[in-house]
Amino acid sequence: MVLRLYGEKPQDIPTKGRMPVRSAFFGRNEITRRCYDLLREKGEIIADDVTVRAMREKGLDPEADRKQRTDFTRRILVSLHDLRKAGTVEKIGAGRGVRWKLAGS
């Protein structure tokens, strides 16, 4: 009713933002926990370290399923970037060889 008063159509109103599609492989905050666990264990990591371990623990072959491995790595990198914004993780380097460590360590 209000939209008609202003001559607007619902499809003309922009969305607030896109919600990322959740993965069937990861539960809520699971990627963050996996990143923290590996960071505490190794000190410095690359996203592929977390990917390979997660895939093996879930019964997937990281060498055979390249598409799934790429999806896992992308999700892990997004999580690591969010942790960097929060100030809990530091980024070392840039590009493909980027490494991560806990902030202040």
C-alpha atoms as a PDB file:
ATOM      1  CA  MET A   1       0.000   0.000   0.000  1.00  0.00           C
ATOM      2  CA  VAL A   2       2.746   2.470   0.965  1.00  0.00           C
ATOM      3  CA  LEU A   3       4.728   1.603  -2.146  1.00  0.00           C
ATOM      4  CA  ARG A   4       1.742   2.480  -4.322  1.00  0.00           C
ATOM      5  CA  LEU A   5       1.475   5.886  -2.627  1.00  0.00           C
ATOM      6  CA  TYR A   6       4.996   6.696  -3.790  1.00  0.00           C
ATOM      7  CA  GLY A   7       4.651   4.986  -7.149  1.00  0.00           C
ATOM      8  CA  GLU A   8       7.323   2.383  -6.373  1.00  0.00           C
ATOM      9  CA  LYS A   9       7.502  -1.275  -7.328  1.00  0.00           C
ATOM     10  CA  PRO A  10       9.152  -3.857  -5.026  1.00  0.00           C
ATOM     11  CA  GLN A  11      11.606  -4.920  -7.747  1.00  0.00           C
ATOM     12  CA  ASP A  12      12.842  -1.298  -8.037  1.00  0.00           C
ATOM     13  CA  ILE A  13      14.058  -1.226  -4.435  1.00  0.00           C
ATOM     14  CA  PRO A  14      17.730  -2.277  -4.151  1.00  0.00           C
ATOM     15  CA  THR A  15      18.648  -5.100  -1.803  1.00  0.00           C
ATOM     16  CA  LYS A  16      20.727  -4.440   1.311  1.00  0.00           C
ATOM     17  CA  GLY A  17      23.411  -6.848   0.188  1.00  0.00           C
ATOM     18  CA  ARG A  18      23.995 -10.358  -0.983  1.00  0.00           C
ATOM     19  CA  MET A  19      24.061 -13.100   1.625  1.00  0.00           C
ATOM     20  CA  PRO A  20      26.809 -15.636   0.917  1.00  0.00           C
ATOM     21  CA  VAL A  21      25.684 -19.151   0.135  1.00  0.00           C
ATOM     22  CA  ARG A  22      26.449 -21.438   3.063  1.00  0.00           C
ATOM     23  CA  SER A  23      28.486 -24.541   2.421  1.00  0.00           C
ATOM     24  CA  ALA A  24      27.041 -27.931   3.287  1.00  0.00           C
ATOM     25  CA  PHE A  25      30.520 -28.967   4.460  1.00  0.00           C
ATOM     26  CA  PHE A  26      31.005 -26.361   7.186  1.00  0.00           C
ATOM     27  CA  GLY A  27      28.930 -25.593  10.232  1.00  0.00           C
ATOM     28  CA  ARG A  28      28.536 -22.204  11.824  1.00  0.00           C
ATOM     29  CA  ASN A  29      31.966 -20.703  12.706  1.00  0.00           C
ATOM     30  CA  GLU A  30      33.705 -23.969  11.813  1.00  0.00           C
ATOM     31  CA  ILE A  31      36.118 -22.338   9.371  1.00  0.00           C
ATOM     32  CA  THR A  32      37.145 -19.739  11.959  1.00  0.00           C
ATOM     33  CA  ARG A  33      37.749 -22.458  14.557  1.00  0.00           C
ATOM     34  CA  ARG A  34      39.822 -24.475  12.098  1.00  0.00           C
ATOM     35  CA  CYS A  35      41.926 -21.414  11.253  1.00  0.00           C
ATOM     36  CA  TYR A  36      42.556 -20.612  14.933  1.00  0.00           C
ATOM     37  CA  ASP A  37      43.422 -24.243  15.739  1.00  0.00           C
ATOM     38  CA  LEU A  38      45.992 -24.450  12.951  1.00  0.00           C
ATOM     39  CA  LEU A  39      47.421 -21.010  13.787  1.00  0.00           C
ATOM     40  CA  ARG A  40      47.945 -22.056  17.411  1.00  0.00           C
ATOM     41  CA  GLU A  41      49.503 -25.334  16.298  1.00  0.00           C
ATOM     42  CA  LYS A  42      51.835 -24.059  13.562  1.00  0.00           C
ATOM     43  CA  GLY A  43      52.262 -20.343  14.259  1.00  0.00           C
ATOM     44  CA  GLU A  44      52.129 -19.361  10.569  1.00  0.00           C
ATOM     45  CA  ILE A  45      49.837 -20.875   7.951  1.00  0.00           C
ATOM     46  CA  ILE A  46      48.684 -20.510   4.388  1.00  0.00           C
ATOM     47  CA  ALA A  47      45.028 -20.995   3.467  1.00  0.00           C
ATOM     48  CA  ASP A  48      45.842 -24.227   1.648  1.00  0.00           C
ATOM     49  CA  ASP A  49      47.071 -25.781   4.940  1.00  0.00           C
ATOM     50  CA  VAL A  50      43.585 -25.357   6.400  1.00  0.00           C
ATOM     51  CA  THR A  51      41.960 -26.538   3.163  1.00  0.00           C
ATOM     52  CA  VAL A  52      43.920 -29.779   2.903  1.00  0.00           C
ATOM     53  CA  ARG A  53      43.371 -30.674   6.557  1.00  0.00           C
ATOM     54  CA  ALA A  54      39.636 -29.894   6.404  1.00  0.00           C
ATOM     55  CA  MET A  55      39.151 -31.935   3.227  1.00  0.00           C
ATOM     56  CA  ARG A  56      40.993 -34.954   4.617  1.00  0.00           C
ATOM     57  CA  GLU A  57      39.023 -34.818   7.889  1.00  0.00           C
ATOM     58  CA  LYS A  58      35.791 -34.727   5.889  1.00  0.00           C
ATOM     59  CA  GLY A  59      36.798 -37.734   3.799  1.00  0.00           C
ATOM     60  CA  LEU A  60      37.521 -35.794   0.602  1.00  0.00           C
ATOM     61  CA  ASP A  61      40.620 -36.111  -1.547  1.00  0.00           C
ATOM     62  CA  PRO A  62      42.229 -32.675  -1.986  1.00  0.00           C
ATOM     63  CA  GLU A  63      44.290 -33.869  -4.962  1.00  0.00           C
ATOM     64  CA  ALA A  64      41.386 -35.369  -6.902  1.00  0.00           C
ATOM     65  CA  ASP A  65      38.634 -32.799  -6.273  1.00  0.00           C
ATOM     66  CA  ARG A  66      40.204 -29.525  -7.453  1.00  0.00           C
ATOM     67  CA  LYS A  67      36.894 -27.656  -7.720  1.00  0.00           C
ATOM     68  CA  GLN A  68      35.958 -28.422  -4.116  1.00  0.00           C
ATOM     69  CA  ARG A  69      39.477 -27.549  -2.981  1.00  0.00           C
ATOM     70  CA  THR A  70      39.227 -24.155  -4.673  1.00  0.00           C
ATOM     71  CA  ASP A  71      35.855 -23.516  -3.010  1.00  0.00           C
ATOM     72  CA  PHE A  72      37.235 -24.456   0.426  1.00  0.00           C
ATOM     73  CA  THR A  73      40.292 -22.218  -0.068  1.00  0.00           C
ATOM     74  CA  ARG A  74      38.155 -19.272  -1.154  1.00  0.00           C
ATOM     75  CA  ARG A  75      35.924 -19.605   1.906  1.00  0.00           C
ATOM     76  CA  ILE A  76      38.938 -19.911   4.207  1.00  0.00           C
ATOM     77  CA  LEU A  77      40.564 -16.815   2.710  1.00  0.00           C
ATOM     78  CA  VAL A  78      37.363 -14.815   3.239  1.00  0.00           C
ATOM     79  CA  SER A  79      37.347 -15.932   6.869  1.00  0.00           C
ATOM     80  CA  LEU A  80      41.024 -15.035   7.329  1.00  0.00           C
ATOM     81  CA  HIS A  81      40.455 -11.585   5.829  1.00  0.00           C
ATOM     82  CA  ASP A  82      37.538 -11.055   8.242  1.00  0.00           C
ATOM     83  CA  LEU A  83      39.778 -12.079  11.153  1.00  0.00           C
ATOM     84  CA  ARG A  84      42.400  -9.589   9.953  1.00  0.00           C
ATOM     85  CA  LYS A  85      39.777  -6.818   9.922  1.00  0.00           C
ATOM     86  CA  ALA A  86      38.873  -7.789  13.497  1.00  0.00           C
ATOM     87  CA  GLY A  87      42.551  -7.484  14.443  1.00  0.00           C
ATOM     88  CA  THR A  88      43.096 -11.070  15.614  1.00  0.00           C
ATOM     89  CA  VAL A  89      45.189 -12.252  12.663  1.00  0.00           C
ATOM     90  CA  GLU A  90      48.035 -10.613  10.739  1.00  0.00           C
ATOM     91  CA  LYS A  91      48.716 -11.005   7.032  1.00  0.00           C
ATOM     92  CA  ILE A  92      52.317 -11.616   5.966  1.00  0.00           C
ATOM     93  CA  GLY A  93      53.102 -10.846   2.342  1.00  0.00           C
ATOM     94  CA  ALA A  94      50.757 -10.576  -0.605  1.00  0.00           C
ATOM     95  CA  GLY A  95      49.569 -12.579  -3.570  1.00  0.00           C
ATOM     96  CA  ARG A  96      49.583 -16.346  -3.792  1.00  0.00           C
ATOM     97  CA  GLY A  97      52.255 -16.840  -1.139  1.00  0.00           C
ATOM     98  CA  VAL A  98      50.451 -14.876   1.567  1.00  0.00           C
ATOM     99  CA  ARG A  99      50.900 -16.285   5.060  1.00  0.00           C
ATOM    100  CA  TRP A 100      48.883 -15.660   8.214  1.00  0.00           C
ATOM    101  CA  LYS A 101      49.762 -15.538  11.903  1.00  0.00           C
ATOM    102  CA  LEU A 102      48.016 -14.631  15.129  1.00  0.00           C
ATOM    103  CA  ALA A 103      48.213 -10.918  15.916  1.00  0.00           C
ATOM    104  CA  GLY A 104      50.890 -10.010  18.422  1.00  0.00           C
ATOM    105  CA  SER A 105      52.812 -13.263  18.117  1.00  0.00           C
END
